[in-house]
Protein backbone atom coordinates (compact mmCIF):
# COMPACT_ATOMS: atom_id res chain seq x y z
CA MET A 1 -0.05 -0.01 0.04
CA ASN A 2 1.41 3.40 -0.90
CA PHE A 3 1.89 6.06 1.69
CA LEU A 4 -0.84 8.42 0.52
CA SER A 5 -3.50 5.72 0.79
CA LYS A 6 -2.19 4.71 4.17
CA LEU A 7 -2.22 8.31 5.34
CA LEU A 8 -5.84 8.84 4.19
CA GLN A 9 -6.87 5.64 5.99
CA GLY A 10 -5.30 6.78 9.13
CA ILE A 11 -6.88 10.25 8.79
CA ALA A 12 -10.30 8.64 8.11
CA PHE A 13 -10.27 7.46 11.73
CA VAL A 14 -9.75 11.01 13.19
CA PRO A 15 -13.33 12.07 13.39
CA ALA A 16 -14.34 8.81 15.11
CA ILE A 17 -11.33 9.27 17.55
CA VAL A 18 -12.21 12.88 18.31
CA ASN A 19 -15.84 11.95 18.94
CA GLY A 20 -14.81 9.04 21.19
CA VAL A 21 -12.38 11.13 23.15
CA GLU A 22 -15.05 13.89 23.58
CA GLY A 23 -17.46 11.30 24.92
CA LEU A 24 -14.92 9.85 27.32
CA PHE A 25 -13.03 12.95 28.39
CA GLY A 26 -15.60 15.80 27.80
CA HIS A 27 -14.79 17.25 31.18
CA LYS A 28 -11.05 17.49 30.51
CA SER A 29 -9.29 20.50 28.93
CA GLY A 30 -9.04 20.85 25.10
CA ALA A 31 -5.22 20.27 25.31
CA ASP A 32 -5.79 16.95 27.26
CA LYS A 33 -8.43 15.83 24.75
CA LYS A 34 -6.10 16.66 21.83
CA ASN A 35 -3.18 14.84 23.37
CA THR A 36 -5.33 11.72 23.81
CA ALA A 37 -6.68 11.91 20.23
CA MET A 38 -3.08 12.50 18.91
CA THR A 39 -1.84 9.44 20.81
CA LEU A 40 -4.64 7.19 19.48
CA ALA A 41 -4.33 8.50 15.91
CA LEU A 42 -0.56 8.21 15.94
CA ASN A 43 -0.75 4.68 17.26
CA THR A 44 -3.19 3.65 14.50
CA ILE A 45 -0.98 5.20 11.80
CA GLN A 46 2.34 3.99 13.20
CA ALA A 47 0.94 0.43 13.39
CA SER A 48 0.05 0.50 9.77
CA ASP A 49 3.38 2.11 9.00
CA ALA A 50 5.21 -0.80 10.81
CA ILE A 51 3.23 -3.32 8.81
CA ALA A 52 3.57 -1.72 5.45
CA GLY A 53 7.17 -0.38 5.66
CA LYS A 54 8.84 2.73 7.11
CA ASP A 55 7.22 5.62 5.11
CA ILE A 56 7.34 8.17 7.89
CA VAL A 57 10.81 9.62 7.85
CA ASP A 58 10.20 12.77 9.96
CA GLY A 59 8.03 11.83 12.96
CA ASN A 60 7.94 15.39 14.36
CA LYS A 61 6.61 17.02 11.18
CA PHE A 62 4.16 14.13 10.76
CA GLN A 63 3.00 14.68 14.39
CA ASP A 64 2.61 18.37 13.76
CA GLY A 65 0.58 17.80 10.63
CA LEU A 66 -1.67 15.28 12.36
CA GLY A 67 -2.28 17.74 15.18
CA LYS A 68 -3.48 20.26 12.53
CA VAL A 69 -5.83 17.72 11.12
CA ILE A 70 -7.19 16.99 14.54
CA ASP A 71 -7.64 20.79 15.11
CA GLY A 72 -9.51 20.98 11.85
CA VAL A 73 -11.86 18.12 12.62
CA VAL A 74 -12.64 19.63 16.01
CA LEU A 75 -13.45 22.92 14.29
CA CYS A 76 -15.66 21.29 11.84
CA LEU A 77 -17.52 19.29 14.46
CA ASN A 78 -17.95 22.29 16.79
CA ALA A 79 -19.42 24.24 13.83
CA SER A 80 -21.84 21.48 13.03
CA THR A 81 -25.13 20.12 14.49
CA TRP A 82 -22.96 17.54 16.31
CA SER A 83 -21.92 20.30 18.75
CA LYS A 84 -25.49 21.65 19.01
CA THR A 85 -27.00 18.23 20.02
CA LYS A 86 -24.31 17.74 22.66
CA ALA A 87 -25.21 21.12 24.23
CA GLU A 88 -28.89 20.56 24.31
């Protein structure tokens, strides 16, 4: 599997991870929830990276990019009806 398809598969799990973390740790700070989501997403992607070959050559940049993806997902969810139904 090439890296792009593996990356997209990993990113596809981010909304579910963010939703699960919010459900479990809704009372925690945003930073704590982001760290938890980052850990879960990184573990998912790193596991597939270990199976398919070492495609991630700069882990720090990859982690920074993944953090931005998580921030974007949170912005989208907070701007959607998902956020409204949780508040009601």
